[in-house]
All heavy atoms as atom14 arrays in JSON, in Angstrom:
{
  "sequence": "VSIAVAVGALFSLVALPLFGRISDRITSRSGRRRP",
  "atom14_mask": [
    [1, 1, 1, 1, 1, 1, 1, 0, 0, 0, 0, 0, 0, 0],
    [1, 1, 1, 1, 1, 1, 0, 0, 0, 0, 0, 0, 0, 0],
    [1, 1, 1, 1, 1, 1, 1, 1, 0, 0, 0, 0, 0, 0],
    [1, 1, 1, 1, 1, 0, 0, 0, 0, 0, 0, 0, 0, 0],
    [1, 1, 1, 1, 1, 1, 1, 0, 0, 0, 0, 0, 0, 0],
    [1, 1, 1, 1, 1, 0, 0, 0, 0, 0, 0, 0, 0, 0],
    [1, 1, 1, 1, 1, 1, 1, 0, 0, 0, 0, 0, 0, 0],
    [1, 1, 1, 1, 0, 0, 0, 0, 0, 0, 0, 0, 0, 0],
    [1, 1, 1, 1, 1, 0, 0, 0, 0, 0, 0, 0, 0, 0],
    [1, 1, 1, 1, 1, 1, 1, 1, 0, 0, 0, 0, 0, 0],
    [1, 1, 1, 1, 1, 1, 1, 1, 1, 1, 1, 0, 0, 0],
    [1, 1, 1, 1, 1, 1, 0, 0, 0, 0, 0, 0, 0, 0],
    [1, 1, 1, 1, 1, 1, 1, 1, 0, 0, 0, 0, 0, 0],
    [1, 1, 1, 1, 1, 1, 1, 0, 0, 0, 0, 0, 0, 0],
    [1, 1, 1, 1, 1, 0, 0, 0, 0, 0, 0, 0, 0, 0],
    [1, 1, 1, 1, 1, 1, 1, 1, 0, 0, 0, 0, 0, 0],
    [1, 1, 1, 1, 1, 1, 1, 0, 0, 0, 0, 0, 0, 0],
    [1, 1, 1, 1, 1, 1, 1, 1, 0, 0, 0, 0, 0, 0],
    [1, 1, 1, 1, 1, 1, 1, 1, 1, 1, 1, 0, 0, 0],
    [1, 1, 1, 1, 0, 0, 0, 0, 0, 0, 0, 0, 0, 0],
    [1, 1, 1, 1, 1, 1, 1, 1, 1, 1, 1, 0, 0, 0],
    [1, 1, 1, 1, 1, 1, 1, 1, 0, 0, 0, 0, 0, 0],
    [1, 1, 1, 1, 1, 1, 0, 0, 0, 0, 0, 0, 0, 0],
    [1, 1, 1, 1, 1, 1, 1, 1, 0, 0, 0, 0, 0, 0],
    [1, 1, 1, 1, 1, 1, 1, 1, 1, 1, 1, 0, 0, 0],
    [1, 1, 1, 1, 1, 1, 1, 1, 0, 0, 0, 0, 0, 0],
    [1, 1, 1, 1, 1, 1, 1, 0, 0, 0, 0, 0, 0, 0],
    [1, 1, 1, 1, 1, 1, 0, 0, 0, 0, 0, 0, 0, 0],
    [1, 1, 1, 1, 1, 1, 1, 1, 1, 1, 1, 0, 0, 0],
    [1, 1, 1, 1, 1, 1, 0, 0, 0, 0, 0, 0, 0, 0],
    [1, 1, 1, 1, 0, 0, 0, 0, 0, 0, 0, 0, 0, 0],
    [1, 1, 1, 1, 1, 1, 1, 1, 1, 1, 1, 0, 0, 0],
    [1, 1, 1, 1, 1, 1, 1, 1, 1, 1, 1, 0, 0, 0],
    [1, 1, 1, 1, 1, 1, 1, 1, 1, 1, 1, 0, 0, 0],
    [1, 1, 1, 1, 1, 1, 1, 0, 0, 0, 0, 0, 0, 0]
  ],
  "atom14_positions": [
    [[130.04, -162.87, -121.24], [129.24, -161.92, -120.45], [128.16, -162.65, -119.66], [127.95, -162.4, -118.47], [128.61, -160.84, -121.36], [127.58, -160.02, -120.58], [129.68, -159.93, -121.92], [0.0, 0.0, 0.0], [0.0, 0.0, 0.0], [0.0, 0.0, 0.0], [0.0, 0.0, 0.0], [0.0, 0.0, 0.0], [0.0, 0.0, 0.0], [0.0, 0.0, 0.0]],
    [[127.48, -163.59, -120.33], [126.42, -164.34, -119.66], [126.96, -165.11, -118.46], [126.35, -165.12, -117.38], [125.76, -165.31, -120.65], [125.07, -164.62, -121.66], [0.0, 0.0, 0.0], [0.0, 0.0, 0.0], [0.0, 0.0, 0.0], [0.0, 0.0, 0.0], [0.0, 0.0, 0.0], [0.0, 0.0, 0.0], [0.0, 0.0, 0.0], [0.0, 0.0, 0.0]],
    [[128.12, -165.76, -118.62], [128.7, -166.54, -117.53], [129.1, -165.64, -116.36], [128.74, -165.89, -115.2], [129.91, -167.35, -118.02], [129.47, -168.44, -119.01], [130.67, -167.96, -116.85], [130.62, -169.14, -119.71], [0.0, 0.0, 0.0], [0.0, 0.0, 0.0], [0.0, 0.0, 0.0], [0.0, 0.0, 0.0], [0.0, 0.0, 0.0], [0.0, 0.0, 0.0]],
    [[129.83, -164.58, -116.65], [130.33, -163.71, -115.59], [129.2, -163.05, -114.82], [129.19, -163.01, -113.58], [131.26, -162.64, -116.19], [0.0, 0.0, 0.0], [0.0, 0.0, 0.0], [0.0, 0.0, 0.0], [0.0, 0.0, 0.0], [0.0, 0.0, 0.0], [0.0, 0.0, 0.0], [0.0, 0.0, 0.0], [0.0, 0.0, 0.0], [0.0, 0.0, 0.0]],
    [[128.22, -162.52, -115.55], [127.11, -161.83, -114.89], [126.22, -162.81, -114.14], [125.79, -162.55, -113.01], [126.29, -161.03, -115.93], [125.03, -160.44, -115.29], [127.14, -159.91, -116.53], [0.0, 0.0, 0.0], [0.0, 0.0, 0.0], [0.0, 0.0, 0.0], [0.0, 0.0, 0.0], [0.0, 0.0, 0.0], [0.0, 0.0, 0.0], [0.0, 0.0, 0.0]],
    [[125.92, -163.95, -114.75], [125.0, -164.91, -114.14], [125.58, -165.52, -112.87], [124.89, -165.64, -111.85], [124.65, -166.01, -115.14], [0.0, 0.0, 0.0], [0.0, 0.0, 0.0], [0.0, 0.0, 0.0], [0.0, 0.0, 0.0], [0.0, 0.0, 0.0], [0.0, 0.0, 0.0], [0.0, 0.0, 0.0], [0.0, 0.0, 0.0], [0.0, 0.0, 0.0]],
    [[126.85, -165.92, -112.9], [127.46, -166.52, -111.71], [127.54, -165.5, -110.59], [127.24, -165.81, -109.42], [128.85, -167.1, -112.04], [129.54, -167.57, -110.77], [128.72, -168.25, -113.03], [0.0, 0.0, 0.0], [0.0, 0.0, 0.0], [0.0, 0.0, 0.0], [0.0, 0.0, 0.0], [0.0, 0.0, 0.0], [0.0, 0.0, 0.0], [0.0, 0.0, 0.0]],
    [[127.95, -164.28, -110.92], [127.98, -163.23, -109.89], [126.6, -163.0, -109.3], [126.46, -162.84, -108.08], [0.0, 0.0, 0.0], [0.0, 0.0, 0.0], [0.0, 0.0, 0.0], [0.0, 0.0, 0.0], [0.0, 0.0, 0.0], [0.0, 0.0, 0.0], [0.0, 0.0, 0.0], [0.0, 0.0, 0.0], [0.0, 0.0, 0.0], [0.0, 0.0, 0.0]],
    [[125.58, -163.0, -110.14], [124.22, -162.78, -109.65], [123.74, -163.93, -108.77], [122.99, -163.72, -107.81], [123.27, -162.61, -110.83], [0.0, 0.0, 0.0], [0.0, 0.0, 0.0], [0.0, 0.0, 0.0], [0.0, 0.0, 0.0], [0.0, 0.0, 0.0], [0.0, 0.0, 0.0], [0.0, 0.0, 0.0], [0.0, 0.0, 0.0], [0.0, 0.0, 0.0]],
    [[124.17, -165.15, -109.06], [123.79, -166.29, -108.21], [124.33, -166.12, -106.79], [123.62, -166.38, -105.81], [124.32, -167.6, -108.81], [123.56, -168.15, -110.02], [124.27, -169.36, -110.59], [122.12, -168.51, -109.64], [0.0, 0.0, 0.0], [0.0, 0.0, 0.0], [0.0, 0.0, 0.0], [0.0, 0.0, 0.0], [0.0, 0.0, 0.0], [0.0, 0.0, 0.0]],
    [[125.58, -165.68, -106.68], [126.13, -165.41, -105.35], [125.37, -164.27, -104.68], [125.12, -164.3, -103.47], [127.62, -165.07, -105.46], [128.51, -166.27, -105.52], [128.73, -166.94, -106.72], [129.14, -166.74, -104.38], [129.55, -168.06, -106.78], [129.96, -167.86, -104.43], [130.17, -168.52, -105.63], [0.0, 0.0, 0.0], [0.0, 0.0, 0.0], [0.0, 0.0, 0.0]],
    [[125.01, -163.27, -105.45], [124.26, -162.14, -104.91], [122.89, -162.57, -104.4], [122.39, -162.04, -103.41], [124.11, -161.06, -105.99], [123.39, -159.96, -105.51], [0.0, 0.0, 0.0], [0.0, 0.0, 0.0], [0.0, 0.0, 0.0], [0.0, 0.0, 0.0], [0.0, 0.0, 0.0], [0.0, 0.0, 0.0], [0.0, 0.0, 0.0], [0.0, 0.0, 0.0]],
    [[122.28, -163.55, -105.08], [120.97, -164.04, -104.66], [121.0, -164.58, -103.24], [120.07, -164.38, -102.46], [120.5, -165.15, -105.61], [120.08, -164.73, -107.02], [119.71, -165.96, -107.84], [118.94, -163.75, -106.96], [0.0, 0.0, 0.0], [0.0, 0.0, 0.0], [0.0, 0.0, 0.0], [0.0, 0.0, 0.0], [0.0, 0.0, 0.0], [0.0, 0.0, 0.0]],
    [[122.09, -165.28, -102.9], [122.24, -165.8, -101.55], [122.62, -164.68, -100.58], [122.12, -164.61, -99.45], [123.3, -166.92, -101.51], [123.52, -167.41, -100.09], [122.89, -168.07, -102.42], [0.0, 0.0, 0.0], [0.0, 0.0, 0.0], [0.0, 0.0, 0.0], [0.0, 0.0, 0.0], [0.0, 0.0, 0.0], [0.0, 0.0, 0.0], [0.0, 0.0, 0.0]],
    [[123.49, -163.79, -101.02], [124.02, -162.76, -100.14], [122.97, -161.74, -99.72], [122.97, -161.29, -98.56], [125.18, -162.04, -100.84], [0.0, 0.0, 0.0], [0.0, 0.0, 0.0], [0.0, 0.0, 0.0], [0.0, 0.0, 0.0], [0.0, 0.0, 0.0], [0.0, 0.0, 0.0], [0.0, 0.0, 0.0], [0.0, 0.0, 0.0], [0.0, 0.0, 0.0]],
    [[122.07, -161.37, -100.61], [121.11, -160.3, -100.29], [120.27, -160.6, -99.06], [120.3, -159.84, -98.08], [120.24, -160.01, -101.51], [120.91, -159.14, -102.59], [120.15, -159.24, -103.91], [120.95, -157.68, -102.12], [0.0, 0.0, 0.0], [0.0, 0.0, 0.0], [0.0, 0.0, 0.0], [0.0, 0.0, 0.0], [0.0, 0.0, 0.0], [0.0, 0.0, 0.0]],
    [[119.49, -161.68, -99.05], [118.69, -161.93, -97.84], [119.54, -162.33, -96.64], [119.18, -162.04, -95.49], [117.75, -163.08, -98.27], [118.45, -163.75, -99.4], [119.22, -162.67, -100.1], [0.0, 0.0, 0.0], [0.0, 0.0, 0.0], [0.0, 0.0, 0.0], [0.0, 0.0, 0.0], [0.0, 0.0, 0.0], [0.0, 0.0, 0.0], [0.0, 0.0, 0.0]],
    [[120.68, -162.99, -96.89], [121.54, -163.39, -95.78], [122.12, -162.16, -95.09], [122.13, -162.07, -93.84], [122.66, -164.29, -96.29], [123.56, -164.92, -95.22], [122.74, -165.77, -94.26], [124.66, -165.75, -95.87], [0.0, 0.0, 0.0], [0.0, 0.0, 0.0], [0.0, 0.0, 0.0], [0.0, 0.0, 0.0], [0.0, 0.0, 0.0], [0.0, 0.0, 0.0]],
    [[122.59, -161.19, -95.85], [123.07, -159.94, -95.26], [121.95, -159.23, -94.52], [122.17, -158.61, -93.47], [123.65, -159.03, -96.34], [125.03, -159.41, -96.79], [125.41, -159.28, -98.12], [125.97, -159.88, -95.89], [126.68, -159.63, -98.55], [127.25, -160.23, -96.3], [127.6, -160.1, -97.64], [0.0, 0.0, 0.0], [0.0, 0.0, 0.0], [0.0, 0.0, 0.0]],
    [[120.74, -159.29, -95.07], [119.61, -158.67, -94.39], [119.34, -159.3, -93.05], [119.13, -158.61, -92.03], [0.0, 0.0, 0.0], [0.0, 0.0, 0.0], [0.0, 0.0, 0.0], [0.0, 0.0, 0.0], [0.0, 0.0, 0.0], [0.0, 0.0, 0.0], [0.0, 0.0, 0.0], [0.0, 0.0, 0.0], [0.0, 0.0, 0.0], [0.0, 0.0, 0.0]],
    [[119.36, -160.64, -93.0], [119.14, -161.35, -91.74], [120.23, -161.0, -90.73], [119.96, -160.74, -89.55], [119.12, -162.85, -92.01], [119.06, -163.71, -90.77], [117.72, -163.63, -90.08], [116.71, -164.4, -90.8], [115.43, -164.48, -90.46], [115.0, -163.82, -89.39], [114.57, -165.18, -91.17], [0.0, 0.0, 0.0], [0.0, 0.0, 0.0], [0.0, 0.0, 0.0]],
    [[121.47, -161.0, -91.19], [122.59, -160.68, -90.29], [122.49, -159.25, -89.79], [122.67, -158.98, -88.59], [123.93, -160.9, -91.03], [124.14, -162.4, -91.32], [125.1, -160.35, -90.21], [125.31, -162.69, -92.23], [0.0, 0.0, 0.0], [0.0, 0.0, 0.0], [0.0, 0.0, 0.0], [0.0, 0.0, 0.0], [0.0, 0.0, 0.0], [0.0, 0.0, 0.0]],
    [[122.17, -158.33, -90.68], [122.11, -156.92, -90.3], [121.04, -156.67, -89.24], [121.24, -155.88, -88.31], [121.84, -156.06, -91.53], [121.81, -154.69, -91.21], [0.0, 0.0, 0.0], [0.0, 0.0, 0.0], [0.0, 0.0, 0.0], [0.0, 0.0, 0.0], [0.0, 0.0, 0.0], [0.0, 0.0, 0.0], [0.0, 0.0, 0.0], [0.0, 0.0, 0.0]],
    [[119.9, -157.33, -89.35], [118.82, -157.15, -88.38], [119.19, -157.67, -87.0], [118.54, -157.33, -86.01], [117.55, -157.85, -88.86], [116.78, -157.05, -89.9], [116.98, -155.82, -89.96], [115.99, -157.65, -90.66], [0.0, 0.0, 0.0], [0.0, 0.0, 0.0], [0.0, 0.0, 0.0], [0.0, 0.0, 0.0], [0.0, 0.0, 0.0], [0.0, 0.0, 0.0]],
    [[120.23, -158.51, -86.9], [120.62, -159.1, -85.63], [121.83, -158.4, -85.0], [122.22, -158.72, -83.88], [120.95, -160.58, -85.82], [119.73, -161.44, -86.13], [120.13, -162.92, -86.26], [120.91, -163.37, -85.1], [120.39, -163.7, -83.92], [119.09, -163.61, -83.75], [121.17, -164.09, -82.94], [0.0, 0.0, 0.0], [0.0, 0.0, 0.0], [0.0, 0.0, 0.0]],
    [[122.44, -157.46, -85.71], [123.63, -156.8, -85.19], [123.25, -155.84, -84.06], [122.36, -155.01, -84.21], [124.35, -156.03, -86.31], [124.92, -157.02, -87.34], [125.47, -155.16, -85.73], [125.55, -156.35, -88.54], [0.0, 0.0, 0.0], [0.0, 0.0, 0.0], [0.0, 0.0, 0.0], [0.0, 0.0, 0.0], [0.0, 0.0, 0.0], [0.0, 0.0, 0.0]],
    [[123.92, -155.99, -82.91], [123.64, -155.12, -81.76], [124.88, -154.35, -81.31], [124.96, -153.89, -80.18], [123.11, -155.97, -80.58], [124.07, -156.98, -80.25], [121.78, -156.62, -80.93], [0.0, 0.0, 0.0], [0.0, 0.0, 0.0], [0.0, 0.0, 0.0], [0.0, 0.0, 0.0], [0.0, 0.0, 0.0], [0.0, 0.0, 0.0], [0.0, 0.0, 0.0]],
    [[125.84, -154.2, -82.2], [127.08, -153.51, -81.84], [126.85, -152.01, -81.71], [125.83, -151.47, -82.16], [128.16, -153.76, -82.89], [127.88, -153.03, -84.07], [0.0, 0.0, 0.0], [0.0, 0.0, 0.0], [0.0, 0.0, 0.0], [0.0, 0.0, 0.0], [0.0, 0.0, 0.0], [0.0, 0.0, 0.0], [0.0, 0.0, 0.0], [0.0, 0.0, 0.0]],
    [[127.8, -151.32, -81.11], [127.7, -149.88, -80.94], [127.71, -149.14, -82.27], [127.26, -148.0, -82.36], [128.84, -149.37, -80.05], [128.75, -149.85, -78.62], [129.88, -149.27, -77.78], [129.79, -149.7, -76.39], [130.66, -149.33, -75.44], [131.69, -148.53, -75.77], [130.51, -149.75, -74.21], [0.0, 0.0, 0.0], [0.0, 0.0, 0.0], [0.0, 0.0, 0.0]],
    [[128.25, -149.78, -83.29], [128.31, -149.13, -84.61], [126.97, -149.16, -85.34], [126.83, -148.56, -86.39], [129.38, -149.8, -85.48], [129.05, -151.16, -85.72], [0.0, 0.0, 0.0], [0.0, 0.0, 0.0], [0.0, 0.0, 0.0], [0.0, 0.0, 0.0], [0.0, 0.0, 0.0], [0.0, 0.0, 0.0], [0.0, 0.0, 0.0], [0.0, 0.0, 0.0]],
    [[125.99, -149.86, -84.79], [124.67, -149.91, -85.41], [124.47, -151.17, -86.23], [125.34, -152.04, -86.31], [0.0, 0.0, 0.0], [0.0, 0.0, 0.0], [0.0, 0.0, 0.0], [0.0, 0.0, 0.0], [0.0, 0.0, 0.0], [0.0, 0.0, 0.0], [0.0, 0.0, 0.0], [0.0, 0.0, 0.0], [0.0, 0.0, 0.0], [0.0, 0.0, 0.0]],
    [[123.28, -151.24, -86.87], [122.93, -152.43, -87.64], [123.35, -152.34, -89.09], [123.55, -153.36, -89.75], [121.4, -152.67, -87.59], [120.9, -153.06, -86.22], [119.55, -153.74, -86.32], [118.46, -152.84, -86.67], [117.19, -153.23, -86.82], [116.86, -154.49, -86.68], [116.26, -152.35, -87.12], [0.0, 0.0, 0.0], [0.0, 0.0, 0.0], [0.0, 0.0, 0.0]],
    [[123.47, -151.14, -89.64], [123.69, -150.99, -91.08], [125.13, -150.62, -91.45], [125.61, -150.97, -92.52], [122.73, -149.92, -91.65], [121.3, -150.04, -91.15], [120.69, -151.42, -91.35], [119.33, -151.49, -90.81], [118.68, -152.6, -90.54], [119.25, -153.78, -90.76], [117.46, -152.57, -90.04], [0.0, 0.0, 0.0], [0.0, 0.0, 0.0], [0.0, 0.0, 0.0]],
    [[125.81, -149.9, -90.56], [127.17, -149.43, -90.88], [128.13, -150.58, -91.21], [128.93, -150.46, -92.16], [127.71, -148.59, -89.73], [129.08, -147.96, -90.03], [129.56, -147.06, -88.92], [128.79, -145.82, -88.86], [127.89, -145.52, -87.91], [127.66, -146.38, -86.94], [127.25, -144.39, -87.92], [0.0, 0.0, 0.0], [0.0, 0.0, 0.0], [0.0, 0.0, 0.0]],
    [[128.13, -151.7, -90.46], [129.06, -152.78, -90.81], [128.88, -153.3, -92.23], [129.87, -153.63, -92.9], [128.73, -153.87, -89.78], [128.18, -153.11, -88.61], [127.4, -151.98, -89.2], [0.0, 0.0, 0.0], [0.0, 0.0, 0.0], [0.0, 0.0, 0.0], [0.0, 0.0, 0.0], [0.0, 0.0, 0.0], [0.0, 0.0, 0.0], [0.0, 0.0, 0.0]]
  ]
}
């Protein structure tokens, strides 16, 4: 459990702010959050 949860959380640590940065830069017709 520790391995599965911890490794997944490590990837999430990078993904959270990275997705935020990407989302703030999206200028498509579908909007910034829908993608």
